C-alpha atoms as a PDB file:
ATOM      1  CA  MET A   1      16.520 -32.110  -1.045  1.00  0.00           C
ATOM      2  CA  HIS A   2      19.647 -30.748  -2.744  1.00  0.00           C
ATOM      3  CA  ARG A   3      22.929 -30.971  -0.896  1.00  0.00           C
ATOM      4  CA  PHE A   4      26.170 -29.128  -1.561  1.00  0.00           C
ATOM      5  CA  ARG A   5      29.181 -30.722   0.187  1.00  0.00           C
ATOM      6  CA  LEU A   6      31.816 -28.145   0.993  1.00  0.00           C
ATOM      7  CA  SER A   7      35.261 -28.724   2.422  1.00  0.00           C
ATOM      8  CA  LEU A   8      36.971 -25.954   4.410  1.00  0.00           C
ATOM      9  CA  ALA A   9      38.708 -24.874   1.217  1.00  0.00           C
ATOM     10  CA  ASP A  10      35.399 -24.785  -0.634  1.00  0.00           C
ATOM     11  CA  LEU A  11      33.844 -22.704   2.141  1.00  0.00           C
ATOM     12  CA  ALA A  12      36.739 -20.279   1.920  1.00  0.00           C
ATOM     13  CA  THR A  13      36.064 -19.811  -1.813  1.00  0.00           C
ATOM     14  CA  THR A  14      32.315 -19.349  -1.543  1.00  0.00           C
ATOM     15  CA  TRP A  15      31.541 -15.892  -2.909  1.00  0.00           C
ATOM     16  CA  PHE A  16      28.699 -13.568  -3.865  1.00  0.00           C
ATOM     17  CA  ALA A  17      27.886 -11.970  -7.203  1.00  0.00           C
ATOM     18  CA  CYS A  18      25.266  -9.860  -8.974  1.00  0.00           C
ATOM     19  CA  SER A  19      24.191 -11.182 -12.356  1.00  0.00           C
ATOM     20  CA  PRO A  20      22.333  -8.840 -14.740  1.00  0.00           C
ATOM     21  CA  ILE A  21      21.466 -11.624 -17.152  1.00  0.00           C
ATOM     22  CA  GLN A  22      20.012 -13.690 -14.335  1.00  0.00           C
ATOM     23  CA  GLU A  23      17.753 -10.803 -13.385  1.00  0.00           C
ATOM     24  CA  ALA A  24      16.773 -10.192 -17.007  1.00  0.00           C
ATOM     25  CA  VAL A  25      15.883 -13.825 -17.599  1.00  0.00           C
ATOM     26  CA  LEU A  26      14.192 -14.453 -14.284  1.00  0.00           C
ATOM     27  CA  SER A  27      12.183 -11.260 -14.700  1.00  0.00           C
ATOM     28  CA  LEU A  28      10.372 -12.936 -17.602  1.00  0.00           C
ATOM     29  CA  ARG A  29       8.388 -14.598 -14.797  1.00  0.00           C
ATOM     30  CA  MET A  30       6.793 -11.180 -14.145  1.00  0.00           C
ATOM     31  CA  TRP A  31       4.961 -11.512 -17.456  1.00  0.00           C
ATOM     32  CA  THR A  32       4.032 -15.206 -17.258  1.00  0.00           C
ATOM     33  CA  HIS A  33       3.217 -15.399 -13.534  1.00  0.00           C
ATOM     34  CA  PRO A  34       1.893 -11.966 -12.459  1.00  0.00           C
ATOM     35  CA  GLY A  35       1.300 -11.683  -8.749  1.00  0.00           C
ATOM     36  CA  PHE A  36       4.216 -13.885  -7.675  1.00  0.00           C
ATOM     37  CA  TYR A  37       6.624 -10.983  -7.168  1.00  0.00           C
ATOM     38  CA  THR A  38       4.382  -8.152  -6.076  1.00  0.00           C
ATOM     39  CA  LEU A  39       7.134  -5.719  -5.024  1.00  0.00           C
ATOM     40  CA  GLN A  40       8.207  -5.498  -8.639  1.00  0.00           C
ATOM     41  CA  SER A  41       4.709  -5.247 -10.127  1.00  0.00           C
ATOM     42  CA  PRO A  42       4.378  -1.418 -10.334  1.00  0.00           C
ATOM     43  CA  ALA A  43       7.707  -1.067 -12.143  1.00  0.00           C
ATOM     44  CA  PHE A  44       6.952  -3.838 -14.631  1.00  0.00           C
ATOM     45  CA  GLU A  45       3.485  -2.563 -15.405  1.00  0.00           C
ATOM     46  CA  ARG A  46       5.151   0.659 -16.509  1.00  0.00           C
ATOM     47  CA  LEU A  47       7.383  -1.405 -18.771  1.00  0.00           C
ATOM     48  CA  ARG A  48       4.549  -3.360 -20.393  1.00  0.00           C
ATOM     49  CA  PRO A  49       4.086  -1.155 -23.497  1.00  0.00           C
ATOM     50  CA  ALA A  50       7.772  -1.437 -24.348  1.00  0.00           C
ATOM     51  CA  PHE A  51       7.793  -5.225 -23.648  1.00  0.00           C
ATOM     52  CA  GLU A  52       4.865  -5.849 -25.937  1.00  0.00           C
ATOM     53  CA  ARG A  53       6.689  -4.224 -28.882  1.00  0.00           C
ATOM     54  CA  LEU A  54       9.453  -6.878 -28.609  1.00  0.00           C
ATOM     55  CA  ASP A  55       9.630 -10.572 -29.629  1.00  0.00           C
ATOM     56  CA  SER A  56       7.518 -11.135 -26.524  1.00  0.00           C
ATOM     57  CA  ALA A  57       5.952 -14.430 -27.709  1.00  0.00           C
ATOM     58  CA  LEU A  58       9.376 -16.008 -27.910  1.00  0.00           C
ATOM     59  CA  LEU A  59      10.469 -14.601 -24.549  1.00  0.00           C
ATOM     60  CA  LEU A  60       7.302 -15.813 -22.818  1.00  0.00           C
ATOM     61  CA  SER A  61       7.738 -19.292 -24.270  1.00  0.00           C
ATOM     62  CA  LEU A  62      11.008 -19.678 -22.343  1.00  0.00           C
ATOM     63  CA  VAL A  63       9.187 -19.906 -18.966  1.00  0.00           C
ATOM     64  CA  ALA A  64       7.598 -23.227 -18.027  1.00  0.00           C
ATOM     65  CA  VAL A  65       4.240 -23.435 -16.204  1.00  0.00           C
ATOM     66  CA  ASN A  66       6.080 -24.066 -12.918  1.00  0.00           C
ATOM     67  CA  ARG A  67       8.378 -21.045 -13.579  1.00  0.00           C
ATOM     68  CA  TRP A  68      11.384 -23.130 -14.609  1.00  0.00           C
ATOM     69  CA  ILE A  69      13.679 -21.449 -17.097  1.00  0.00           C
ATOM     70  CA  PRO A  70      16.429 -23.219 -19.106  1.00  0.00           C
ATOM     71  CA  ASP A  71      19.744 -23.298 -17.257  1.00  0.00           C
ATOM     72  CA  PHE A  72      21.836 -22.054 -20.153  1.00  0.00           C
ATOM     73  CA  LEU A  73      20.063 -18.643 -20.007  1.00  0.00           C
ATOM     74  CA  THR A  74      21.435 -17.938 -16.535  1.00  0.00           C
ATOM     75  CA  PRO A  75      25.165 -18.835 -16.626  1.00  0.00           C
ATOM     76  CA  ARG A  76      27.046 -18.628 -13.354  1.00  0.00           C
ATOM     77  CA  PRO A  77      28.647 -15.174 -13.110  1.00  0.00           C
ATOM     78  CA  ALA A  78      32.422 -15.193 -13.474  1.00  0.00           C
ATOM     79  CA  THR A  79      32.984 -11.992 -11.435  1.00  0.00           C
ATOM     80  CA  PRO A  80      31.224 -10.393  -8.468  1.00  0.00           C
ATOM     81  CA  SER A  81      29.848  -7.549 -10.653  1.00  0.00           C
ATOM     82  CA  ALA A  82      29.165  -9.122 -14.048  1.00  0.00           C
ATOM     83  CA  ASP A  83      28.449  -7.301 -17.273  1.00  0.00           C
ATOM     84  CA  PHE A  84      25.257  -8.120 -19.184  1.00  0.00           C
ATOM     85  CA  ARG A  85      26.887  -8.390 -22.641  1.00  0.00           C
ATOM     86  CA  THR A  86      29.693 -10.569 -21.303  1.00  0.00           C
ATOM     87  CA  GLU A  87      27.120 -12.912 -19.799  1.00  0.00           C
ATOM     88  CA  LEU A  88      25.010 -12.822 -22.982  1.00  0.00           C
ATOM     89  CA  ALA A  89      28.090 -13.896 -24.988  1.00  0.00           C
ATOM     90  CA  VAL A  90      28.168 -17.039 -22.767  1.00  0.00           C
ATOM     91  CA  VAL A  91      24.553 -17.720 -23.717  1.00  0.00           C
ATOM     92  CA  ARG A  92      25.351 -17.247 -27.379  1.00  0.00           C
ATOM     93  CA  SER A  93      28.276 -19.699 -27.127  1.00  0.00           C
ATOM     94  CA  LEU A  94      26.095 -22.688 -26.245  1.00  0.00           C
ATOM     95  CA  PRO A  95      26.735 -25.414 -28.845  1.00  0.00           C
ATOM     96  CA  PRO A  96      23.514 -25.573 -30.952  1.00  0.00           C
ATOM     97  CA  GLU A  97      23.229 -29.350 -30.475  1.00  0.00           C
ATOM     98  CA  GLN A  98      22.801 -28.771 -26.706  1.00  0.00           C
ATOM     99  CA  LEU A  99      19.816 -26.475 -27.134  1.00  0.00           C
ATOM    100  CA  ARG A 100      17.223 -29.277 -27.410  1.00  0.00           C
ATOM    101  CA  PRO A 101      18.398 -31.095 -24.229  1.00  0.00           C
ATOM    102  CA  GLU A 102      18.423 -27.785 -22.345  1.00  0.00           C
ATOM    103  CA  LEU A 103      14.860 -27.050 -23.378  1.00  0.00           C
ATOM    104  CA  GLU A 104      13.604 -30.571 -22.794  1.00  0.00           C
ATOM    105  CA  GLN A 105      14.941 -30.752 -19.185  1.00  0.00           C
ATOM    106  CA  THR A 106      13.026 -27.561 -18.501  1.00  0.00           C
ATOM    107  CA  PHE A 107       9.602 -28.557 -19.868  1.00  0.00           C
ATOM    108  CA  LEU A 108       9.266 -32.325 -20.301  1.00  0.00           C
ATOM    109  CA  PRO A 109       9.694 -33.511 -16.647  1.00  0.00           C
ATOM    110  CA  HIS A 110       6.294 -31.992 -15.763  1.00  0.00           C
ATOM    111  CA  GLY A 111       4.358 -33.446 -18.664  1.00  0.00           C
ATOM    112  CA  GLN A 112       4.516 -30.150 -20.528  1.00  0.00           C
ATOM    113  CA  PRO A 113       5.436 -30.395 -24.200  1.00  0.00           C
ATOM    114  CA  LEU A 114       7.931 -27.984 -25.662  1.00  0.00           C
ATOM    115  CA  PRO A 115       6.128 -24.710 -26.492  1.00  0.00           C
ATOM    116  CA  ALA A 116       5.247 -24.742 -30.201  1.00  0.00           C
ATOM    117  CA  LEU A 117       7.402 -21.740 -31.007  1.00  0.00           C
ATOM    118  CA  LEU A 118      10.485 -23.450 -29.534  1.00  0.00           C
ATOM    119  CA  ALA A 119       9.723 -26.874 -31.000  1.00  0.00           C
ATOM    120  CA  ALA A 120       9.367 -25.383 -34.458  1.00  0.00           C
ATOM    121  CA  GLY A 121      12.651 -23.465 -34.104  1.00  0.00           C
ATOM    122  CA  LEU A 122      14.640 -26.581 -33.216  1.00  0.00           C
ATOM    123  CA  GLY A 123      14.670 -27.467 -36.902  1.00  0.00           C
ATOM    124  CA  ASP A 124      17.536 -24.927 -37.019  1.00  0.00           C
ATOM    125  CA  PRO A 125      18.886 -24.776 -33.440  1.00  0.00           C
ATOM    126  CA  ALA A 126      21.678 -22.290 -34.296  1.00  0.00           C
ATOM    127  CA  ARG A 127      19.148 -19.849 -35.695  1.00  0.00           C
ATOM    128  CA  LEU A 128      16.808 -20.340 -32.708  1.00  0.00           C
ATOM    129  CA  LEU A 129      19.638 -19.784 -30.272  1.00  0.00           C
ATOM    130  CA  ALA A 130      20.575 -16.542 -32.001  1.00  0.00           C
ATOM    131  CA  ARG A 131      16.945 -15.417 -32.012  1.00  0.00           C
ATOM    132  CA  ILE A 132      16.605 -16.104 -28.272  1.00  0.00           C
ATOM    133  CA  ALA A 133      19.848 -14.191 -27.479  1.00  0.00           C
ATOM    134  CA  ASP A 134      18.786 -11.266 -29.742  1.00  0.00           C
ATOM    135  CA  ALA A 135      15.372 -11.095 -28.054  1.00  0.00           C
ATOM    136  CA  LEU A 136      16.980 -11.021 -24.612  1.00  0.00           C
ATOM    137  CA  GLU A 137      19.345  -8.245 -25.725  1.00  0.00           C
ATOM    138  CA  GLU A 138      16.441  -6.189 -27.071  1.00  0.00           C
ATOM    139  CA  TYR A 139      14.505  -6.780 -23.846  1.00  0.00           C
ATOM    140  CA  TRP A 140      17.490  -5.572 -21.821  1.00  0.00           C
ATOM    141  CA  GLU A 141      17.983  -2.443 -23.930  1.00  0.00           C
ATOM    142  CA  ALA A 142      14.338  -1.477 -24.226  1.00  0.00           C
ATOM    143  CA  CYS A 143      12.961  -2.345 -20.818  1.00  0.00           C
ATOM    144  CA  LEU A 144      15.570  -2.923 -18.127  1.00  0.00           C
ATOM    145  CA  ALA A 145      18.788  -1.075 -18.797  1.00  0.00           C
ATOM    146  CA  PRO A 146      17.406   2.488 -19.066  1.00  0.00           C
ATOM    147  CA  GLY A 147      15.841   2.799 -15.605  1.00  0.00           C
ATOM    148  CA  TRP A 148      15.110  -0.461 -13.836  1.00  0.00           C
ATOM    149  CA  TRP A 149      18.584  -2.032 -13.688  1.00  0.00           C
ATOM    150  CA  PRO A 150      20.529   0.973 -12.262  1.00  0.00           C
ATOM    151  CA  GLN A 151      18.171   1.034  -9.308  1.00  0.00           C
ATOM    152  CA  ALA A 152      17.999  -2.768  -9.030  1.00  0.00           C
ATOM    153  CA  ARG A 153      21.805  -3.050  -9.109  1.00  0.00           C
ATOM    154  CA  THR A 154      22.065  -0.695  -6.129  1.00  0.00           C
ATOM    155  CA  VAL A 155      19.689  -2.898  -4.093  1.00  0.00           C
ATOM    156  CA  LEU A 156      21.543  -6.080  -5.084  1.00  0.00           C
ATOM    157  CA  GLU A 157      24.925  -4.570  -4.221  1.00  0.00           C
ATOM    158  CA  ALA A 158      23.577  -3.354  -0.886  1.00  0.00           C
ATOM    159  CA  ASP A 159      22.509  -6.938  -0.199  1.00  0.00           C
ATOM    160  CA  LEU A 160      26.072  -8.090  -0.875  1.00  0.00           C
ATOM    161  CA  VAL A 161      27.493  -5.541   1.545  1.00  0.00           C
ATOM    162  CA  TYR A 162      25.108  -6.735   4.206  1.00  0.00           C
ATOM    163  CA  ARG A 163      25.976 -10.401   3.606  1.00  0.00           C
ATOM    164  CA  ALA A 164      29.702  -9.619   3.860  1.00  0.00           C
ATOM    165  CA  ARG A 165      29.039  -8.003   7.259  1.00  0.00           C
ATOM    166  CA  VAL A 166      27.088 -11.019   8.505  1.00  0.00           C
ATOM    167  CA  LEU A 167      29.867 -13.349   7.385  1.00  0.00           C
ATOM    168  CA  SER A 168      32.633 -11.308   8.939  1.00  0.00           C
ATOM    169  CA  GLN A 169      30.801 -10.767  12.239  1.00  0.00           C
ATOM    170  CA  HIS A 170      29.003 -14.080  12.718  1.00  0.00           C
ATOM    171  CA  GLY A 171      30.463 -16.699  10.404  1.00  0.00           C
ATOM    172  CA  ALA A 172      29.258 -19.022   7.632  1.00  0.00           C
ATOM    173  CA  ALA A 173      26.538 -20.764   9.690  1.00  0.00           C
ATOM    174  CA  ALA A 174      24.825 -17.454  10.458  1.00  0.00           C
ATOM    175  CA  LEU A 175      25.223 -16.369   6.882  1.00  0.00           C
ATOM    176  CA  PHE A 176      23.523 -19.380   5.415  1.00  0.00           C
ATOM    177  CA  ALA A 177      20.769 -19.298   8.028  1.00  0.00           C
ATOM    178  CA  ASP A 178      20.076 -15.646   7.141  1.00  0.00           C
ATOM    179  CA  LEU A 179      19.928 -16.164   3.393  1.00  0.00           C
ATOM    180  CA  ASP A 180      16.656 -18.154   3.351  1.00  0.00           C
ATOM    181  CA  HIS A 181      14.585 -20.542   5.390  1.00  0.00           C
ATOM    182  CA  ARG A 182      15.045 -23.289   2.747  1.00  0.00           C
ATOM    183  CA  LEU A 183      18.748 -23.509   3.504  1.00  0.00           C
ATOM    184  CA  ARG A 184      20.311 -25.574   6.272  1.00  0.00           C
ATOM    185  CA  TRP A 185      24.017 -25.795   7.083  1.00  0.00           C
ATOM    186  CA  GLU A 186      25.323 -28.737   9.119  1.00  0.00           C
ATOM    187  CA  ASP A 187      28.618 -30.703   9.184  1.00  0.00           C
ATOM    188  CA  GLY A 188      29.961 -29.343   5.918  1.00  0.00           C
ATOM    189  CA  VAL A 189      26.729 -29.839   4.002  1.00  0.00           C
ATOM    190  CA  LEU A 190      24.567 -26.980   2.744  1.00  0.00           C
ATOM    191  CA  ALA A 191      21.158 -28.463   2.077  1.00  0.00           C
ATOM    192  CA  ILE A 192      18.426 -26.687   0.137  1.00  0.00           C
ATOM    193  CA  ASP A 193      14.821 -27.798   0.156  1.00  0.00           C
ATOM    194  CA  ARG A 194      13.998 -27.805  -3.565  1.00  0.00           C
ATOM    195  CA  ARG A 195      10.214 -27.806  -3.228  1.00  0.00           C
ATOM    196  CA  TRP A 196       9.896 -27.234  -6.955  1.00  0.00           C
ATOM    197  CA  SER A 197      11.583 -30.544  -7.803  1.00  0.00           C
ATOM    198  CA  GLU A 198      11.156 -34.138  -6.644  1.00  0.00           C
ATOM    199  CA  GLN A 199      14.729 -34.936  -7.653  1.00  0.00           C
ATOM    200  CA  ASP A 200      17.396 -35.181  -4.986  1.00  0.00           C
ATOM    201  CA  GLY A 201      20.882 -33.922  -5.657  1.00  0.00           C
ATOM    202  CA  ASP A 202      24.191 -34.548  -3.866  1.00  0.00           C
ATOM    203  CA  ILE A 203      26.993 -32.324  -5.213  1.00  0.00           C
ATOM    204  CA  THR A 204      30.589 -32.192  -4.076  1.00  0.00           C
ATOM    205  CA  VAL A 205      31.787 -28.657  -4.724  1.00  0.00           C
ATOM    206  CA  ASP A 206      35.344 -30.025  -5.138  1.00  0.00           C
ATOM    207  CA  GLY A 207      37.213 -26.768  -5.638  1.00  0.00           C
ATOM    208  CA  ARG A 208      34.807 -25.195  -8.112  1.00  0.00           C
ATOM    209  CA  GLY A 209      33.540 -22.594  -5.624  1.00  0.00           C
ATOM    210  CA  LEU A 210      29.944 -21.965  -4.631  1.00  0.00           C
ATOM    211  CA  VAL A 211      28.437 -18.735  -5.978  1.00  0.00           C
ATOM    212  CA  LEU A 212      25.539 -17.062  -4.135  1.00  0.00           C
ATOM    213  CA  THR A 213      23.498 -14.541  -6.159  1.00  0.00           C
ATOM    214  CA  PRO A 214      20.672 -12.319  -4.873  1.00  0.00           C
ATOM    215  CA  THR A 215      17.590 -11.988  -7.060  1.00  0.00           C
ATOM    216  CA  PHE A 216      14.272 -10.161  -7.161  1.00  0.00           C
ATOM    217  CA  PHE A 217      12.482 -13.029  -8.840  1.00  0.00           C
ATOM    218  CA  ALA A 218      12.517 -16.005  -6.460  1.00  0.00           C
ATOM    219  CA  ARG A 219      10.322 -16.640  -3.439  1.00  0.00           C
ATOM    220  CA  GLY A 220      13.006 -18.722  -1.749  1.00  0.00           C
ATOM    221  CA  ALA A 221      16.507 -20.099  -2.418  1.00  0.00           C
ATOM    222  CA  ILE A 222      16.760 -21.892  -5.792  1.00  0.00           C
ATOM    223  CA  THR A 223      19.463 -23.737  -7.772  1.00  0.00           C
ATOM    224  CA  MET A 224      19.951 -24.711 -11.386  1.00  0.00           C
ATOM    225  CA  ILE A 225      17.755 -27.524 -12.755  1.00  0.00           C
ATOM    226  CA  SER A 226      20.749 -29.680 -13.731  1.00  0.00           C
ATOM    227  CA  ASN A 227      23.103 -31.099 -11.084  1.00  0.00           C
ATOM    228  CA  ASP A 228      25.934 -30.904 -13.619  1.00  0.00           C
ATOM    229  CA  ARG A 229      26.130 -27.081 -13.600  1.00  0.00           C
ATOM    230  CA  PRO A 230      28.783 -25.216 -11.585  1.00  0.00           C
ATOM    231  CA  PRO A 231      27.549 -24.821  -7.995  1.00  0.00           C
ATOM    232  CA  GLN A 232      25.291 -21.804  -7.589  1.00  0.00           C
ATOM    233  CA  ILE A 233      22.385 -20.752  -5.325  1.00  0.00           C
ATOM    234  CA  SER A 234      20.134 -17.767  -5.890  1.00  0.00           C
ATOM    235  CA  TYR A 235      18.221 -16.320  -2.969  1.00  0.00           C
ATOM    236  CA  PRO A 236      15.690 -13.457  -2.416  1.00  0.00           C
ATOM    237  CA  ALA A 237      17.436 -10.125  -2.203  1.00  0.00           C
ATOM    238  CA  ARG A 238      16.993  -7.852   0.803  1.00  0.00           C
ATOM    239  CA  GLY A 239      15.638  -4.318   0.514  1.00  0.00           C
ATOM    240  CA  GLN A 240      13.253  -4.957  -2.334  1.00  0.00           C
ATOM    241  CA  GLY A 241      10.740  -2.546  -0.862  1.00  0.00           C
ATOM    242  CA  GLY A 242      13.004   0.281  -2.011  1.00  0.00           C
ATOM    243  CA  MET A 243      12.029  -0.581  -5.623  1.00  0.00           C
ATOM    244  CA  ALA A 244       8.386   0.422  -5.059  1.00  0.00           C
ATOM    245  CA  GLY A 245       8.991   4.169  -5.301  1.00  0.00           C
ATOM    246  CA  PRO A 246       9.863   7.278  -3.319  1.00  0.00           C
ATOM    247  CA  ALA A 247       9.700   6.900   0.455  1.00  0.00           C
ATOM    248  CA  ALA A 248       7.452   8.772   2.776  1.00  0.00           C
ATOM    249  CA  PRO A 249       9.122  11.150   5.292  1.00  0.00           C
ATOM    250  CA  VAL A 250      10.132   9.957   8.767  1.00  0.00           C
ATOM    251  CA  THR A 251       7.809  10.986  11.578  1.00  0.00           C
ATOM    252  CA  ARG A 252      10.303  11.420  14.389  1.00  0.00           C
ATOM    253  CA  ARG A 253      10.025  15.146  14.967  1.00  0.00           C
ATOM    254  CA  ALA A 254      12.839  15.279  17.538  1.00  0.00           C
ATOM    255  CA  LEU A 255      15.287  13.785  15.045  1.00  0.00           C
ATOM    256  CA  GLU A 256      14.294  16.370  12.431  1.00  0.00           C
ATOM    257  CA  LEU A 257      14.803  19.180  14.923  1.00  0.00           C
ATOM    258  CA  LEU A 258      18.275  17.830  15.827  1.00  0.00           C
ATOM    259  CA  LEU A 259      19.581  17.130  12.315  1.00  0.00           C
ATOM    260  CA  GLY A 260      17.256  18.929   9.963  1.00  0.00           C
ATOM    261  CA  ALA A 261      14.599  17.172   7.996  1.00  0.00           C
ATOM    262  CA  PRO A 262      16.766  16.092   4.966  1.00  0.00           C
ATOM    263  CA  LYS A 263      19.455  14.464   7.087  1.00  0.00           C
ATOM    264  CA  ALA A 264      16.883  12.827   9.372  1.00  0.00           C
ATOM    265  CA  ARG A 265      15.116  11.301   6.372  1.00  0.00           C
ATOM    266  CA  LEU A 266      18.394  10.013   5.011  1.00  0.00           C
ATOM    267  CA  LEU A 267      19.342   8.485   8.334  1.00  0.00           C
ATOM    268  CA  ALA A 268      15.965   6.758   8.562  1.00  0.00           C
ATOM    269  CA  LEU A 269      16.400   5.295   5.079  1.00  0.00           C
ATOM    270  CA  LEU A 270      19.877   3.976   5.784  1.00  0.00           C
ATOM    271  CA  ALA A 271      18.760   1.013   7.903  1.00  0.00           C
ATOM    272  CA  GLU A 272      19.742  -0.812   4.685  1.00  0.00           C
ATOM    273  CA  PRO A 273      22.843   0.076   2.643  1.00  0.00           C
ATOM    274  CA  ALA A 274      22.086   2.351  -0.327  1.00  0.00           C
ATOM    275  CA  SER A 275      23.935   4.456  -2.900  1.00  0.00           C
ATOM    276  CA  THR A 276      23.625   8.187  -3.466  1.00  0.00           C
ATOM    277  CA  THR A 277      21.592   7.509  -6.661  1.00  0.00           C
ATOM    278  CA  GLU A 278      19.144   5.230  -4.917  1.00  0.00           C
ATOM    279  CA  LEU A 279      18.656   7.661  -2.032  1.00  0.00           C
ATOM    280  CA  ALA A 280      18.096  10.539  -4.417  1.00  0.00           C
ATOM    281  CA  TYR A 281      15.433   8.487  -6.243  1.00  0.00           C
ATOM    282  CA  ARG A 282      13.658   7.550  -3.096  1.00  0.00           C
ATOM    283  CA  LEU A 283      13.654  11.081  -1.749  1.00  0.00           C
ATOM    284  CA  GLY A 284      12.904  12.767  -5.043  1.00  0.00           C
ATOM    285  CA  VAL A 285      15.917  15.107  -4.924  1.00  0.00           C
ATOM    286  CA  THR A 286      19.215  15.461  -6.789  1.00  0.00           C
ATOM    287  CA  PRO A 287      22.218  13.203  -6.118  1.00  0.00           C
ATOM    288  CA  GLY A 288      24.252  16.345  -5.408  1.00  0.00           C
ATOM    289  CA  ALA A 289      21.960  17.318  -2.544  1.00  0.00           C
ATOM    290  CA  VAL A 290      22.117  13.879  -1.102  1.00  0.00           C
ATOM    291  CA  SER A 291      25.930  13.826  -1.353  1.00  0.00           C
ATOM    292  CA  GLN A 292      26.210  16.999   0.723  1.00  0.00           C
ATOM    293  CA  HIS A 293      24.059  15.617   3.495  1.00  0.00           C
ATOM    294  CA  LEU A 294      25.793  12.245   3.480  1.00  0.00           C
ATOM    295  CA  ALA A 295      29.160  13.964   3.787  1.00  0.00           C
ATOM    296  CA  VAL A 296      27.979  15.613   7.018  1.00  0.00           C
ATOM    297  CA  LEU A 297      26.451  12.433   8.397  1.00  0.00           C
ATOM    298  CA  HIS A 298      29.643  10.489   7.579  1.00  0.00           C
ATOM    299  CA  GLU A 299      31.855  13.149   9.159  1.00  0.00           C
ATOM    300  CA  THR A 300      29.823  13.014  12.384  1.00  0.00           C
ATOM    301  CA  GLY A 301      30.014   9.197  12.510  1.00  0.00           C
ATOM    302  CA  LEU A 302      26.324   8.588  11.947  1.00  0.00           C
ATOM    303  CA  VAL A 303      26.782   6.663   8.678  1.00  0.00           C
ATOM    304  CA  THR A 304      29.496   4.418   7.235  1.00  0.00           C
ATOM    305  CA  ARG A 305      30.369   3.879   3.575  1.00  0.00           C
ATOM    306  CA  ALA A 306      31.908   1.059   1.562  1.00  0.00           C
ATOM    307  CA  ARG A 307      32.721   0.700  -2.137  1.00  0.00           C
ATOM    308  CA  HIS A 308      31.244  -2.237  -4.042  1.00  0.00           C
ATOM    309  CA  GLY A 309      32.052  -2.346  -7.760  1.00  0.00           C
ATOM    310  CA  ARG A 310      31.147   0.988  -9.253  1.00  0.00           C
ATOM    311  CA  SER A 311      28.972   2.039  -6.341  1.00  0.00           C
ATOM    312  CA  VAL A 312      29.677   3.587  -2.903  1.00  0.00           C
ATOM    313  CA  LEU A 313      27.107   2.313  -0.452  1.00  0.00           C
ATOM    314  CA  TYR A 314      26.138   4.127   2.743  1.00  0.00           C
ATOM    315  CA  SER A 315      24.482   2.663   5.830  1.00  0.00           C
ATOM    316  CA  ARG A 316      23.816   3.740   9.415  1.00  0.00           C
ATOM    317  CA  SER A 317      26.632   3.242  11.865  1.00  0.00           C
ATOM    318  CA  PRO A 318      25.961   1.775  15.355  1.00  0.00           C
ATOM    319  CA  LEU A 319      25.823   5.366  16.592  1.00  0.00           C
ATOM    320  CA  GLY A 320      23.297   6.227  13.917  1.00  0.00           C
ATOM    321  CA  ASP A 321      21.196   3.211  14.904  1.00  0.00           C
ATOM    322  CA  GLU A 322      21.301   4.297  18.530  1.00  0.00           C
ATOM    323  CA  LEU A 323      20.302   7.862  17.705  1.00  0.00           C
ATOM    324  CA  THR A 324      17.376   6.906  15.500  1.00  0.00           C
ATOM    325  CA  GLY A 325      16.182   4.179  17.827  1.00  0.00           C
ATOM    326  CA  GLY A 326      15.123   2.264  14.701  1.00  0.00           C
ATOM    327  CA  ALA A 327      13.170   5.223  13.380  1.00  0.00           C
ATOM    328  CA  ARG A 328      10.335   4.063  11.135  1.00  0.00           C
ATOM    329  CA  ARG A 329       8.532   5.713   8.296  1.00  0.00           C
ATOM    330  CA  ALA A 330       4.887   6.500   8.624  1.00  0.00           C
END
């Protein structure tokens, strides 16, 4: 069990963030543990040829058999909407003498020796660190940044909008309960069942803030390996089904007759917050066409919109929910 002790001041400074480098690093689990994150499998199979042209042996060596990944590769984001290169610069800034301890705490506790590629590289830790950072940057540029990340970022930002709504309407206890079944909030202590570790942890947040980050590559709430890292919890993001591909049309004929098929389909999709770009992808139409329909739905009070970072996210209003009756796709 891992316990974060939060005062009222700590609770007030708990915040959410999206981390592109976290997603890039944790996505390496897609290649070492296929089948664990099935909603992402189709997209990553399409990326396989590009991945295999990279320094893939080094990237794969960074994931332990139990899916642990060195803490220094996923630094806590400093802003709600972090930039990949800014976060990568933090990775590059690790003092080379700390590289061996970071790697050893990832692999050795489970009786697994350091992977041969990493062990050999530790003869020159500065060079190995640079090679790891370069490989991650190439992976980002070749595989994730062109198509996967823009869509993924929309889903993650939609999750943050939803969490903000839960917090404002129902409070911190409801928020933590909704994040993941592994979390339990009671008497100022946020406990997480770290099933992947036998080590207990008891951390006083003590003014450092607790950062909560959604991810596509965890099956439950997780923390850093080390208890000495700044407080952070990653949890499974909502709305991951939207990453699987274009959506099928809604089947509620009456709604289509009332609004027209395009607007009815949009309204059905907006049970979860989404951006114009994400909706256009899922419907297989242009963002311009989606914008026109969203403008009408917003003007009539059927959808709401909120800005998060560089994105404007739309979702059904209570009136839209009532009108659709929870319309489902076939």
